[in-house]
Amino acid sequence: MDYKKAGVDIEAGYKSVELMKEHVKKTMRPEVLGGLGGFSGAFSMKNFKDMENPVLLSGTDGVGTKIKLAFLLDKHDTIGIDCVAMCINDVACAGGESLFFLDYIACGKNYPEKIATIVSGVAEGCRQAGAALIGGETAEHPGLMPEDEYDVAGFAVGVCDEKDLITGKDIKEGDVLIGIASSGVHSNGFSLVRSVFDMTKESLNTYYDELGTTLGEALLVPTIIYVKTLKEIKDAGVRVKGCSHITGGGFYENIPRMLPEGVKAVVRKDSYPVLPIFKLMQKTGNIEEQMMYNTFNMGLGMVLAVDKNDTDRVLTAVERAGQKAYVVGEIAKGEKGVELC
């Protein structure tokens, strides 16, 4: 008996690391010390010593059950982008500059080429965010997970000068809400998605005119990483007062997280186009509207609160970053929460 016969292939692990090195190299920043393969990742902070009061920000998350679609379609190159986005968008919500990222992949059996493909997506997400992929772990779990399945999670660290933190404390009546478009379902609500549609290759490969693509392609579109868009807004001289990443819990849970007591967010449902995938899902699953807005992003990946006078500058900055934005509502006096009208 040996470790390989017990289900853990150490040689496959070595091969996975070799295959992923070329992807990881593309994410490097000058602050990274050392190379891939150490027991920890080292990152120099000397470039941030000029900040008045540097604050480290962190975020951790996974992809959730969206990963089941990757199994069914045998498509593994974008799941890593989702993982990065779920962590780093949260850091960006607080005004943080993304510094570095670590990933964790648990699998039933280490297929080196598949693992390298997953990591290529993680590396692409880090490249989009400007973060270095400085470490990670691939764990083989025979007997705990089916051989052809895996799970991905990640951890991100960013930095921000304390005076630039986005806390929501200065949000006031009359401020404007600006929504930045999502690419689709992103990485939340897939347990409901999988209950609405048949999770078979045939179903996922079905083409829908209203989607302009197959169902599987529409659902697997990776989560948008909003780091560069938020930086473009900051560089335009705009101070974002509040920022909500619309993830699990949709509008009702996430928008109030940026609000101080005594004000509410009033969102106009007809102020932006709801993406076709949500309309198809609601119709197919006969889902109540309130549940849709309480589960999904409904076409808005982030919602910002800004001073009314900054509206045009924000819209222009988002367009310059290659994204779409809409004035979707305003801040009003009232009990902390969201009102959809």
C-alpha atoms as a PDB file:
ATOM      1  CA  MET A   1       0.000   0.000   0.000  1.00  0.00           C
ATOM      2  CA  ASP A   2       1.177   3.536  -0.736  1.00  0.00           C
ATOM      3  CA  TYR A   3      -0.294   7.067  -0.847  1.00  0.00           C
ATOM      4  CA  LYS A   4      -1.187   6.825  -4.546  1.00  0.00           C
ATOM      5  CA  LYS A   5      -3.109   3.582  -4.027  1.00  0.00           C
ATOM      6  CA  ALA A   6      -4.893   5.293  -1.130  1.00  0.00           C
ATOM      7  CA  GLY A   7      -6.123   7.888  -3.613  1.00  0.00           C
ATOM      8  CA  VAL A   8      -3.631  10.774  -3.354  1.00  0.00           C
ATOM      9  CA  ASP A   9      -1.293  11.213  -6.329  1.00  0.00           C
ATOM     10  CA  ILE A  10       1.655  13.380  -5.236  1.00  0.00           C
ATOM     11  CA  GLU A  11       3.173  13.323  -8.731  1.00  0.00           C
ATOM     12  CA  ALA A  12      -0.076  14.701 -10.171  1.00  0.00           C
ATOM     13  CA  GLY A  13       0.202  17.518  -7.645  1.00  0.00           C
ATOM     14  CA  TYR A  14       3.700  18.364  -8.865  1.00  0.00           C
ATOM     15  CA  LYS A  15       2.482  18.371 -12.449  1.00  0.00           C
ATOM     16  CA  SER A  16      -0.435  20.674 -11.571  1.00  0.00           C
ATOM     17  CA  VAL A  17       1.988  23.201 -10.074  1.00  0.00           C
ATOM     18  CA  GLU A  18       4.186  23.121 -13.161  1.00  0.00           C
ATOM     19  CA  LEU A  19       1.208  23.614 -15.488  1.00  0.00           C
ATOM     20  CA  MET A  20      -0.186  26.550 -13.517  1.00  0.00           C
ATOM     21  CA  LYS A  21       3.108  28.456 -13.168  1.00  0.00           C
ATOM     22  CA  GLU A  22       2.760  30.211 -16.531  1.00  0.00           C
ATOM     23  CA  HIS A  23      -0.670  31.557 -15.524  1.00  0.00           C
ATOM     24  CA  VAL A  24       0.474  32.679 -12.077  1.00  0.00           C
ATOM     25  CA  LYS A  25       3.440  34.603 -13.504  1.00  0.00           C
ATOM     26  CA  LYS A  26       1.073  36.910 -15.382  1.00  0.00           C
ATOM     27  CA  THR A  27      -0.358  38.210 -12.089  1.00  0.00           C
ATOM     28  CA  MET A  28       2.897  39.235 -10.418  1.00  0.00           C
ATOM     29  CA  ARG A  29       3.378  42.685  -8.893  1.00  0.00           C
ATOM     30  CA  PRO A  30       6.727  44.244  -7.943  1.00  0.00           C
ATOM     31  CA  GLU A  31       5.857  43.921  -4.244  1.00  0.00           C
ATOM     32  CA  VAL A  32       5.807  40.105  -4.418  1.00  0.00           C
ATOM     33  CA  LEU A  33       8.859  38.573  -2.740  1.00  0.00           C
ATOM     34  CA  GLY A  34      10.002  35.091  -3.683  1.00  0.00           C
ATOM     35  CA  GLY A  35       8.379  32.718  -6.127  1.00  0.00           C
ATOM     36  CA  LEU A  36       5.720  30.039  -6.354  1.00  0.00           C
ATOM     37  CA  GLY A  37       6.223  26.992  -4.159  1.00  0.00           C
ATOM     38  CA  GLY A  38       7.155  28.407  -0.763  1.00  0.00           C
ATOM     39  CA  PHE A  39       5.286  27.679   2.439  1.00  0.00           C
ATOM     40  CA  SER A  40       3.833  31.196   2.417  1.00  0.00           C
ATOM     41  CA  GLY A  41       3.510  34.137   0.077  1.00  0.00           C
ATOM     42  CA  ALA A  42       5.497  37.278   0.904  1.00  0.00           C
ATOM     43  CA  PHE A  43       4.383  40.773  -0.094  1.00  0.00           C
ATOM     44  CA  SER A  44       6.298  43.976   0.640  1.00  0.00           C
ATOM     45  CA  MET A  45       4.391  46.907   2.159  1.00  0.00           C
ATOM     46  CA  LYS A  46       7.074  49.528   1.512  1.00  0.00           C
ATOM     47  CA  ASN A  47       5.088  51.119  -1.325  1.00  0.00           C
ATOM     48  CA  PHE A  48       2.289  52.013   1.102  1.00  0.00           C
ATOM     49  CA  LYS A  49       4.356  53.600   3.883  1.00  0.00           C
ATOM     50  CA  ASP A  50       3.513  57.077   2.560  1.00  0.00           C
ATOM     51  CA  MET A  51      -0.178  56.596   3.366  1.00  0.00           C
ATOM     52  CA  GLU A  52      -1.299  58.583   6.392  1.00  0.00           C
ATOM     53  CA  ASN A  53      -2.894  55.550   7.995  1.00  0.00           C
ATOM     54  CA  PRO A  54      -2.864  52.407   5.831  1.00  0.00           C
ATOM     55  CA  VAL A  55      -5.664  49.944   6.551  1.00  0.00           C
ATOM     56  CA  LEU A  56      -5.646  46.338   5.358  1.00  0.00           C
ATOM     57  CA  LEU A  57      -8.918  44.949   3.984  1.00  0.00           C
ATOM     58  CA  SER A  58      -9.712  41.290   3.436  1.00  0.00           C
ATOM     59  CA  GLY A  59     -12.390  39.149   1.864  1.00  0.00           C
ATOM     60  CA  THR A  60     -13.008  35.444   1.457  1.00  0.00           C
ATOM     61  CA  ASP A  61     -15.627  33.541  -0.521  1.00  0.00           C
ATOM     62  CA  GLY A  62     -16.288  30.729  -2.958  1.00  0.00           C
ATOM     63  CA  VAL A  63     -18.296  30.151  -6.107  1.00  0.00           C
ATOM     64  CA  GLY A  64     -21.192  28.236  -4.599  1.00  0.00           C
ATOM     65  CA  THR A  65     -23.282  25.744  -6.544  1.00  0.00           C
ATOM     66  CA  LYS A  66     -22.620  27.501  -9.857  1.00  0.00           C
ATOM     67  CA  ILE A  67     -19.721  25.095  -9.948  1.00  0.00           C
ATOM     68  CA  LYS A  68     -22.151  22.244 -10.718  1.00  0.00           C
ATOM     69  CA  LEU A  69     -22.739  23.764 -14.157  1.00  0.00           C
ATOM     70  CA  ALA A  70     -19.012  23.682 -14.847  1.00  0.00           C
ATOM     71  CA  PHE A  71     -19.061  19.953 -14.085  1.00  0.00           C
ATOM     72  CA  LEU A  72     -22.005  19.312 -16.391  1.00  0.00           C
ATOM     73  CA  LEU A  73     -20.562  21.303 -19.292  1.00  0.00           C
ATOM     74  CA  ASP A  74     -16.956  20.283 -18.613  1.00  0.00           C
ATOM     75  CA  LYS A  75     -15.968  23.951 -18.768  1.00  0.00           C
ATOM     76  CA  HIS A  76     -13.563  25.038 -16.059  1.00  0.00           C
ATOM     77  CA  ASP A  77     -11.754  28.145 -17.337  1.00  0.00           C
ATOM     78  CA  THR A  78     -14.063  30.830 -15.889  1.00  0.00           C
ATOM     79  CA  ILE A  79     -14.975  29.490 -12.442  1.00  0.00           C
ATOM     80  CA  GLY A  80     -11.722  30.925 -11.096  1.00  0.00           C
ATOM     81  CA  ILE A  81     -12.711  34.408 -12.290  1.00  0.00           C
ATOM     82  CA  ASP A  82     -15.915  34.068 -10.287  1.00  0.00           C
ATOM     83  CA  CYS A  83     -13.961  33.106  -7.191  1.00  0.00           C
ATOM     84  CA  VAL A  84     -11.676  36.126  -7.456  1.00  0.00           C
ATOM     85  CA  ALA A  85     -14.589  38.463  -8.183  1.00  0.00           C
ATOM     86  CA  MET A  86     -16.590  37.357  -5.149  1.00  0.00           C
ATOM     87  CA  CYS A  87     -13.677  38.158  -2.831  1.00  0.00           C
ATOM     88  CA  ILE A  88     -12.107  41.184  -4.467  1.00  0.00           C
ATOM     89  CA  ASN A  89     -15.340  43.048  -5.253  1.00  0.00           C
ATOM     90  CA  ASP A  90     -16.068  43.013  -1.521  1.00  0.00           C
ATOM     91  CA  VAL A  91     -12.659  44.540  -0.800  1.00  0.00           C
ATOM     92  CA  ALA A  92     -13.231  47.146  -3.524  1.00  0.00           C
ATOM     93  CA  CYS A  93     -16.567  48.104  -1.902  1.00  0.00           C
ATOM     94  CA  ALA A  94     -14.621  49.526   1.019  1.00  0.00           C
ATOM     95  CA  GLY A  95     -12.327  51.525  -1.274  1.00  0.00           C
ATOM     96  CA  GLY A  96      -9.451  49.050  -1.150  1.00  0.00           C
ATOM     97  CA  GLU A  97      -6.747  48.535  -3.749  1.00  0.00           C
ATOM     98  CA  SER A  98      -6.379  44.805  -4.347  1.00  0.00           C
ATOM     99  CA  LEU A  99      -2.919  43.535  -3.417  1.00  0.00           C
ATOM    100  CA  PHE A 100      -2.863  39.765  -3.468  1.00  0.00           C
ATOM    101  CA  PHE A 101      -5.022  36.658  -3.636  1.00  0.00           C
ATOM    102  CA  LEU A 102      -4.776  33.034  -2.540  1.00  0.00           C
ATOM    103  CA  ASP A 103      -6.913  30.161  -3.787  1.00  0.00           C
ATOM    104  CA  TYR A 104      -7.911  26.790  -2.374  1.00  0.00           C
ATOM    105  CA  ILE A 105      -9.057  23.941  -4.612  1.00  0.00           C
ATOM    106  CA  ALA A 106     -10.407  20.738  -3.104  1.00  0.00           C
ATOM    107  CA  CYS A 107     -10.917  17.861  -5.532  1.00  0.00           C
ATOM    108  CA  GLY A 108     -11.839  14.208  -5.494  1.00  0.00           C
ATOM    109  CA  LYS A 109      -8.960  13.412  -7.846  1.00  0.00           C
ATOM    110  CA  ASN A 110      -6.190  15.659  -9.098  1.00  0.00           C
ATOM    111  CA  TYR A 111      -6.354  15.848 -12.875  1.00  0.00           C
ATOM    112  CA  PRO A 112      -3.423  18.225 -13.529  1.00  0.00           C
ATOM    113  CA  GLU A 113      -4.756  19.715 -16.754  1.00  0.00           C
ATOM    114  CA  LYS A 114      -8.152  20.436 -15.182  1.00  0.00           C
ATOM    115  CA  ILE A 115      -6.587  22.007 -12.092  1.00  0.00           C
ATOM    116  CA  ALA A 116      -4.359  24.162 -14.285  1.00  0.00           C
ATOM    117  CA  THR A 117      -7.399  25.291 -16.272  1.00  0.00           C
ATOM    118  CA  ILE A 118      -9.204  26.296 -13.075  1.00  0.00           C
ATOM    119  CA  VAL A 119      -6.131  28.225 -11.910  1.00  0.00           C
ATOM    120  CA  SER A 120      -5.893  29.931 -15.302  1.00  0.00           C
ATOM    121  CA  GLY A 121      -9.281  31.463 -14.493  1.00  0.00           C
ATOM    122  CA  VAL A 122      -8.098  32.504 -11.033  1.00  0.00           C
ATOM    123  CA  ALA A 123      -5.053  34.128 -12.630  1.00  0.00           C
ATOM    124  CA  GLU A 124      -7.214  35.947 -15.176  1.00  0.00           C
ATOM    125  CA  GLY A 125      -9.404  37.284 -12.386  1.00  0.00           C
ATOM    126  CA  CYS A 126      -6.322  38.479 -10.513  1.00  0.00           C
ATOM    127  CA  ARG A 127      -4.998  40.118 -13.676  1.00  0.00           C
ATOM    128  CA  GLN A 128      -8.290  41.980 -14.131  1.00  0.00           C
ATOM    129  CA  ALA A 129      -8.147  43.123 -10.505  1.00  0.00           C
ATOM    130  CA  GLY A 130      -4.464  44.029 -10.504  1.00  0.00           C
ATOM    131  CA  ALA A 131      -3.823  41.562  -7.679  1.00  0.00           C
ATOM    132  CA  ALA A 132      -0.970  39.081  -7.423  1.00  0.00           C
ATOM    133  CA  LEU A 133      -1.769  35.390  -7.082  1.00  0.00           C
ATOM    134  CA  ILE A 134       0.881  34.700  -4.456  1.00  0.00           C
ATOM    135  CA  GLY A 135      -0.135  31.278  -3.237  1.00  0.00           C
ATOM    136  CA  GLY A 136      -2.734  28.563  -3.005  1.00  0.00           C
ATOM    137  CA  GLU A 137      -3.457  24.949  -2.241  1.00  0.00           C
ATOM    138  CA  THR A 138      -4.810  22.005  -4.191  1.00  0.00           C
ATOM    139  CA  ALA A 139      -6.068  19.262  -1.867  1.00  0.00           C
ATOM    140  CA  GLU A 140      -6.999  15.812  -3.093  1.00  0.00           C
ATOM    141  CA  HIS A 141      -9.859  14.308  -1.063  1.00  0.00           C
ATOM    142  CA  PRO A 142     -10.453  10.704  -2.147  1.00  0.00           C
ATOM    143  CA  GLY A 143     -13.526   9.193  -0.538  1.00  0.00           C
ATOM    144  CA  LEU A 144     -14.810  12.601   0.517  1.00  0.00           C
ATOM    145  CA  MET A 145     -15.600  14.010  -2.928  1.00  0.00           C
ATOM    146  CA  PRO A 146     -16.444  12.289  -6.231  1.00  0.00           C
ATOM    147  CA  GLU A 147     -13.375  11.960  -8.463  1.00  0.00           C
ATOM    148  CA  ASP A 148     -14.658  14.369 -11.131  1.00  0.00           C
ATOM    149  CA  GLU A 149     -15.770  17.122  -8.745  1.00  0.00           C
ATOM    150  CA  TYR A 150     -13.994  19.997  -7.009  1.00  0.00           C
ATOM    151  CA  ASP A 151     -14.663  23.151  -5.034  1.00  0.00           C
ATOM    152  CA  VAL A 152     -12.886  26.518  -5.192  1.00  0.00           C
ATOM    153  CA  ALA A 153     -12.526  29.189  -2.547  1.00  0.00           C
ATOM    154  CA  GLY A 154     -10.305  32.222  -2.218  1.00  0.00           C
ATOM    155  CA  PHE A 155      -8.952  34.937   0.040  1.00  0.00           C
ATOM    156  CA  ALA A 156      -8.092  38.496  -0.952  1.00  0.00           C
ATOM    157  CA  VAL A 157      -6.180  41.294   0.755  1.00  0.00           C
ATOM    158  CA  GLY A 158      -6.272  44.963  -0.170  1.00  0.00           C
ATOM    159  CA  VAL A 159      -5.119  48.267   1.280  1.00  0.00           C
ATOM    160  CA  CYS A 160      -6.672  51.695   1.682  1.00  0.00           C
ATOM    161  CA  ASP A 161      -5.725  54.923   3.421  1.00  0.00           C
ATOM    162  CA  GLU A 162      -8.184  55.263   6.295  1.00  0.00           C
ATOM    163  CA  LYS A 163      -9.369  58.665   5.039  1.00  0.00           C
ATOM    164  CA  ASP A 164     -10.406  57.015   1.743  1.00  0.00           C
ATOM    165  CA  LEU A 165     -12.444  54.183   3.265  1.00  0.00           C
ATOM    166  CA  ILE A 166     -15.980  53.883   1.876  1.00  0.00           C
ATOM    167  CA  THR A 167     -18.130  53.445   4.969  1.00  0.00           C
ATOM    168  CA  GLY A 168     -21.559  54.891   4.083  1.00  0.00           C
ATOM    169  CA  LYS A 169     -21.583  57.082   7.185  1.00  0.00           C
ATOM    170  CA  ASP A 170     -21.941  60.308   5.162  1.00  0.00           C
ATOM    171  CA  ILE A 171     -24.842  59.140   2.990  1.00  0.00           C
ATOM    172  CA  LYS A 172     -27.706  61.615   3.277  1.00  0.00           C
ATOM    173  CA  GLU A 173     -31.139  62.384   1.885  1.00  0.00           C
ATOM    174  CA  GLY A 174     -30.923  63.523  -1.753  1.00  0.00           C
ATOM    175  CA  ASP A 175     -27.865  61.468  -2.660  1.00  0.00           C
ATOM    176  CA  VAL A 176     -28.140  59.551  -5.915  1.00  0.00           C
ATOM    177  CA  LEU A 177     -27.990  55.768  -6.399  1.00  0.00           C
ATOM    178  CA  ILE A 178     -26.054  54.589  -9.428  1.00  0.00           C
ATOM    179  CA  GLY A 179     -26.176  50.957 -10.509  1.00  0.00           C
ATOM    180  CA  ILE A 180     -23.359  49.367 -12.489  1.00  0.00           C
ATOM    181  CA  ALA A 181     -24.489  46.583 -14.809  1.00  0.00           C
ATOM    182  CA  SER A 182     -23.814  42.923 -14.118  1.00  0.00           C
ATOM    183  CA  SER A 183     -22.934  40.340 -16.758  1.00  0.00           C
ATOM    184  CA  GLY A 184     -25.678  37.978 -15.653  1.00  0.00           C
ATOM    185  CA  VAL A 185     -26.418  35.893 -12.585  1.00  0.00           C
ATOM    186  CA  HIS A 186     -22.807  36.223 -11.410  1.00  0.00           C
ATOM    187  CA  SER A 187     -22.206  33.687  -8.583  1.00  0.00           C
ATOM    188  CA  ASN A 188     -25.266  33.813  -6.352  1.00  0.00           C
ATOM    189  CA  GLY A 189     -28.659  32.171  -6.309  1.00  0.00           C
ATOM    190  CA  PHE A 190     -27.635  29.053  -8.222  1.00  0.00           C
ATOM    191  CA  SER A 191     -29.432  26.688  -5.888  1.00  0.00           C
ATOM    192  CA  LEU A 192     -32.635  28.369  -7.096  1.00  0.00           C
ATOM    193  CA  VAL A 193     -31.366  28.478 -10.687  1.00  0.00           C
ATOM    194  CA  ARG A 194     -30.763  24.732 -10.592  1.00  0.00           C
ATOM    195  CA  SER A 195     -34.289  24.182  -9.317  1.00  0.00           C
ATOM    196  CA  VAL A 196     -35.811  26.215 -12.143  1.00  0.00           C
ATOM    197  CA  PHE A 197     -33.981  24.640 -15.093  1.00  0.00           C
ATOM    198  CA  ASP A 198     -33.206  20.998 -15.827  1.00  0.00           C
ATOM    199  CA  MET A 199     -29.551  20.493 -15.007  1.00  0.00           C
ATOM    200  CA  THR A 200     -28.683  18.308 -17.986  1.00  0.00           C
ATOM    201  CA  LYS A 201     -26.283  18.844 -20.868  1.00  0.00           C
ATOM    202  CA  GLU A 202     -29.216  18.891 -23.268  1.00  0.00           C
ATOM    203  CA  SER A 203     -31.016  21.604 -21.315  1.00  0.00           C
ATOM    204  CA  LEU A 204     -27.904  23.721 -20.794  1.00  0.00           C
ATOM    205  CA  ASN A 205     -26.961  23.462 -24.474  1.00  0.00           C
ATOM    206  CA  THR A 206     -30.417  24.656 -25.586  1.00  0.00           C
ATOM    207  CA  TYR A 207     -30.304  27.958 -27.500  1.00  0.00           C
ATOM    208  CA  TYR A 208     -32.727  30.721 -26.489  1.00  0.00           C
ATOM    209  CA  ASP A 209     -33.482  33.583 -28.850  1.00  0.00           C
ATOM    210  CA  GLU A 210     -34.096  35.983 -25.973  1.00  0.00           C
ATOM    211  CA  LEU A 211     -30.671  35.185 -24.530  1.00  0.00           C
ATOM    212  CA  GLY A 212     -28.825  35.192 -27.827  1.00  0.00           C
ATOM    213  CA  THR A 213     -26.882  32.185 -26.589  1.00  0.00           C
ATOM    214  CA  THR A 214     -27.371  28.795 -24.961  1.00  0.00           C
ATOM    215  CA  LEU A 215     -28.703  28.599 -21.426  1.00  0.00           C
ATOM    216  CA  GLY A 216     -25.429  27.176 -20.135  1.00  0.00           C
ATOM    217  CA  GLU A 217     -23.363  29.929 -21.719  1.00  0.00           C
ATOM    218  CA  ALA A 218     -25.643  32.599 -20.234  1.00  0.00           C
ATOM    219  CA  LEU A 219     -25.432  31.078 -16.761  1.00  0.00           C
ATOM    220  CA  LEU A 220     -21.663  30.483 -16.798  1.00  0.00           C
ATOM    221  CA  VAL A 221     -20.751  34.045 -17.828  1.00  0.00           C
ATOM    222  CA  PRO A 222     -18.197  35.047 -15.179  1.00  0.00           C
ATOM    223  CA  THR A 223     -18.827  37.654 -12.513  1.00  0.00           C
ATOM    224  CA  ILE A 224     -17.630  41.142 -13.423  1.00  0.00           C
ATOM    225  CA  ILE A 225     -14.672  42.428 -11.435  1.00  0.00           C
ATOM    226  CA  TYR A 226     -15.346  46.098 -10.690  1.00  0.00           C
ATOM    227  CA  VAL A 227     -11.919  47.155  -9.384  1.00  0.00           C
ATOM    228  CA  LYS A 228     -10.847  49.178 -12.418  1.00  0.00           C
ATOM    229  CA  THR A 229     -14.283  50.769 -12.769  1.00  0.00           C
ATOM    230  CA  LEU A 230     -14.217  51.986  -9.167  1.00  0.00           C
ATOM    231  CA  LYS A 231     -10.667  53.261  -9.658  1.00  0.00           C
ATOM    232  CA  GLU A 232     -11.801  55.185 -12.737  1.00  0.00           C
ATOM    233  CA  ILE A 233     -14.521  56.820 -10.634  1.00  0.00           C
ATOM    234  CA  LYS A 234     -12.010  57.731  -7.926  1.00  0.00           C
ATOM    235  CA  ASP A 235      -9.566  59.104 -10.501  1.00  0.00           C
ATOM    236  CA  ALA A 236     -12.387  61.315 -11.817  1.00  0.00           C
ATOM    237  CA  GLY A 237     -12.338  63.074  -8.445  1.00  0.00           C
ATOM    238  CA  VAL A 238     -15.546  61.534  -7.149  1.00  0.00           C
ATOM    239  CA  ARG A 239     -15.885  60.453  -3.551  1.00  0.00           C
ATOM    240  CA  VAL A 240     -18.124  57.417  -3.417  1.00  0.00           C
ATOM    241  CA  LYS A 241     -20.134  57.619  -0.196  1.00  0.00           C
ATOM    242  CA  GLY A 242     -21.444  54.073  -0.174  1.00  0.00           C
ATOM    243  CA  CYS A 243     -20.940  50.922  -2.237  1.00  0.00           C
ATOM    244  CA  SER A 244     -22.887  47.663  -2.250  1.00  0.00           C
ATOM    245  CA  HIS A 245     -21.788  44.488  -4.027  1.00  0.00           C
ATOM    246  CA  ILE A 246     -25.077  42.814  -5.014  1.00  0.00           C
ATOM    247  CA  THR A 247     -24.496  39.177  -4.129  1.00  0.00           C
ATOM    248  CA  GLY A 248     -26.537  36.615  -2.188  1.00  0.00           C
ATOM    249  CA  GLY A 249     -29.584  38.302  -0.718  1.00  0.00           C
ATOM    250  CA  GLY A 250     -30.001  40.560  -3.740  1.00  0.00           C
ATOM    251  CA  PHE A 251     -31.168  44.144  -3.282  1.00  0.00           C
ATOM    252  CA  TYR A 252     -32.925  43.676   0.043  1.00  0.00           C
ATOM    253  CA  GLU A 253     -29.947  42.346   1.959  1.00  0.00           C
ATOM    254  CA  ASN A 254     -26.982  44.073   0.319  1.00  0.00           C
ATOM    255  CA  ILE A 255     -28.011  47.684  -0.297  1.00  0.00           C
ATOM    256  CA  PRO A 256     -28.882  48.349   3.385  1.00  0.00           C
ATOM    257  CA  ARG A 257     -25.364  47.247   4.362  1.00  0.00           C
ATOM    258  CA  MET A 258     -23.998  50.573   3.112  1.00  0.00           C
ATOM    259  CA  LEU A 259     -26.689  52.760   4.714  1.00  0.00           C
ATOM    260  CA  PRO A 260     -26.487  54.677   7.989  1.00  0.00           C
ATOM    261  CA  GLU A 261     -29.498  54.813  10.291  1.00  0.00           C
ATOM    262  CA  GLY A 262     -32.316  57.200   9.356  1.00  0.00           C
ATOM    263  CA  VAL A 263     -32.224  56.845   5.574  1.00  0.00           C
ATOM    264  CA  LYS A 264     -33.506  54.362   3.032  1.00  0.00           C
ATOM    265  CA  ALA A 265     -32.616  53.532  -0.556  1.00  0.00           C
ATOM    266  CA  VAL A 266     -35.417  54.105  -3.071  1.00  0.00           C
ATOM    267  CA  VAL A 267     -34.782  52.043  -6.208  1.00  0.00           C
ATOM    268  CA  ARG A 268     -36.864  52.457  -9.364  1.00  0.00           C
ATOM    269  CA  LYS A 269     -37.249  49.101 -11.081  1.00  0.00           C
ATOM    270  CA  ASP A 270     -37.847  50.663 -14.505  1.00  0.00           C
ATOM    271  CA  SER A 271     -34.675  52.791 -14.395  1.00  0.00           C
ATOM    272  CA  TYR A 272     -32.453  50.171 -16.028  1.00  0.00           C
ATOM    273  CA  PRO A 273     -32.851  47.072 -18.226  1.00  0.00           C
ATOM    274  CA  VAL A 274     -33.332  43.814 -16.329  1.00  0.00           C
ATOM    275  CA  LEU A 275     -31.249  41.206 -18.144  1.00  0.00           C
ATOM    276  CA  PRO A 276     -33.103  38.559 -20.198  1.00  0.00           C
ATOM    277  CA  ILE A 277     -31.770  35.665 -18.113  1.00  0.00           C
ATOM    278  CA  PHE A 278     -33.686  36.950 -15.075  1.00  0.00           C
ATOM    279  CA  LYS A 279     -36.912  37.388 -17.030  1.00  0.00           C
ATOM    280  CA  LEU A 280     -36.585  33.859 -18.413  1.00  0.00           C
ATOM    281  CA  MET A 281     -35.903  32.459 -14.963  1.00  0.00           C
ATOM    282  CA  GLN A 282     -38.814  34.268 -13.342  1.00  0.00           C
ATOM    283  CA  LYS A 283     -41.222  33.109 -16.056  1.00  0.00           C
ATOM    284  CA  THR A 284     -39.953  29.505 -16.180  1.00  0.00           C
ATOM    285  CA  GLY A 285     -39.903  29.075 -12.414  1.00  0.00           C
ATOM    286  CA  ASN A 286     -43.000  31.155 -11.690  1.00  0.00           C
ATOM    287  CA  ILE A 287     -40.966  33.067  -9.117  1.00  0.00           C
ATOM    288  CA  GLU A 288     -42.488  36.030  -7.280  1.00  0.00           C
ATOM    289  CA  GLU A 289     -40.890  39.371  -8.044  1.00  0.00           C
ATOM    290  CA  GLN A 290     -39.976  40.000  -4.413  1.00  0.00           C
ATOM    291  CA  MET A 291     -38.079  36.710  -4.321  1.00  0.00           C
ATOM    292  CA  MET A 292     -36.195  37.623  -7.514  1.00  0.00           C
ATOM    293  CA  TYR A 293     -34.954  40.900  -5.998  1.00  0.00           C
ATOM    294  CA  ASN A 294     -34.204  39.123  -2.723  1.00  0.00           C
ATOM    295  CA  THR A 295     -32.045  36.476  -4.424  1.00  0.00           C
ATOM    296  CA  PHE A 296     -30.430  37.851  -7.574  1.00  0.00           C
ATOM    297  CA  ASN A 297     -28.631  40.981  -8.741  1.00  0.00           C
ATOM    298  CA  MET A 298     -31.304  41.507 -11.432  1.00  0.00           C
ATOM    299  CA  GLY A 299     -28.756  43.120 -13.756  1.00  0.00           C
ATOM    300  CA  LEU A 300     -26.884  45.365 -11.310  1.00  0.00           C
ATOM    301  CA  GLY A 301     -23.617  44.042  -9.895  1.00  0.00           C
ATOM    302  CA  MET A 302     -22.905  47.098  -7.775  1.00  0.00           C
ATOM    303  CA  VAL A 303     -24.922  50.015  -6.441  1.00  0.00           C
ATOM    304  CA  LEU A 304     -23.180  53.251  -5.434  1.00  0.00           C
ATOM    305  CA  ALA A 305     -24.379  56.205  -3.399  1.00  0.00           C
ATOM    306  CA  VAL A 306     -22.874  59.528  -4.511  1.00  0.00           C
ATOM    307  CA  ASP A 307     -23.575  63.220  -4.195  1.00  0.00           C
ATOM    308  CA  LYS A 308     -26.142  64.367  -6.744  1.00  0.00           C
ATOM    309  CA  ASN A 309     -23.622  66.809  -8.245  1.00  0.00           C
ATOM    310  CA  ASP A 310     -21.256  63.927  -9.056  1.00  0.00           C
ATOM    311  CA  THR A 311     -23.784  61.966 -11.116  1.00  0.00           C
ATOM    312  CA  ASP A 312     -22.509  62.868 -14.581  1.00  0.00           C
ATOM    313  CA  ARG A 313     -18.874  62.337 -13.613  1.00  0.00           C
ATOM    314  CA  VAL A 314     -19.654  58.858 -12.318  1.00  0.00           C
ATOM    315  CA  LEU A 315     -21.605  57.860 -15.427  1.00  0.00           C
ATOM    316  CA  THR A 316     -18.795  59.115 -17.673  1.00  0.00           C
ATOM    317  CA  ALA A 317     -16.123  57.330 -15.629  1.00  0.00           C
ATOM    318  CA  VAL A 318     -18.004  54.021 -15.739  1.00  0.00           C
ATOM    319  CA  GLU A 319     -18.418  54.331 -19.507  1.00  0.00           C
ATOM    320  CA  ARG A 320     -14.702  55.094 -19.826  1.00  0.00           C
ATOM    321  CA  ALA A 321     -14.000  51.867 -17.924  1.00  0.00           C
ATOM    322  CA  GLY A 322     -16.054  49.934 -20.479  1.00  0.00           C
ATOM    323  CA  GLN A 323     -19.033  49.293 -18.224  1.00  0.00           C
ATOM    324  CA  LYS A 324     -22.651  50.467 -18.211  1.00  0.00           C
ATOM    325  CA  ALA A 325     -24.217  52.485 -15.414  1.00  0.00           C
ATOM    326  CA  TYR A 326     -27.680  53.868 -14.660  1.00  0.00           C
ATOM    327  CA  VAL A 327     -29.208  56.320 -12.234  1.00  0.00           C
ATOM    328  CA  VAL A 328     -31.461  53.862 -10.412  1.00  0.00           C
ATOM    329  CA  GLY A 329     -32.802  55.832  -7.465  1.00  0.00           C
ATOM    330  CA  GLU A 330     -32.052  58.088  -4.550  1.00  0.00           C
ATOM    331  CA  ILE A 331     -31.611  58.254  -0.803  1.00  0.00           C
ATOM    332  CA  ALA A 332     -34.636  59.365   1.236  1.00  0.00           C
ATOM    333  CA  LYS A 333     -35.412  59.794   4.913  1.00  0.00           C
ATOM    334  CA  GLY A 334     -36.911  56.736   6.548  1.00  0.00           C
ATOM    335  CA  GLU A 335     -36.199  53.483   8.276  1.00  0.00           C
ATOM    336  CA  LYS A 336     -32.974  51.904   7.077  1.00  0.00           C
ATOM    337  CA  GLY A 337     -33.797  49.552   4.201  1.00  0.00           C
ATOM    338  CA  VAL A 338     -34.753  49.376   0.532  1.00  0.00           C
ATOM    339  CA  GLU A 339     -37.924  50.496  -1.184  1.00  0.00           C
ATOM    340  CA  LEU A 340     -38.516  49.231  -4.700  1.00  0.00           C
ATOM    341  CA  CYS A 341     -41.005  51.162  -6.771  1.00  0.00           C
END
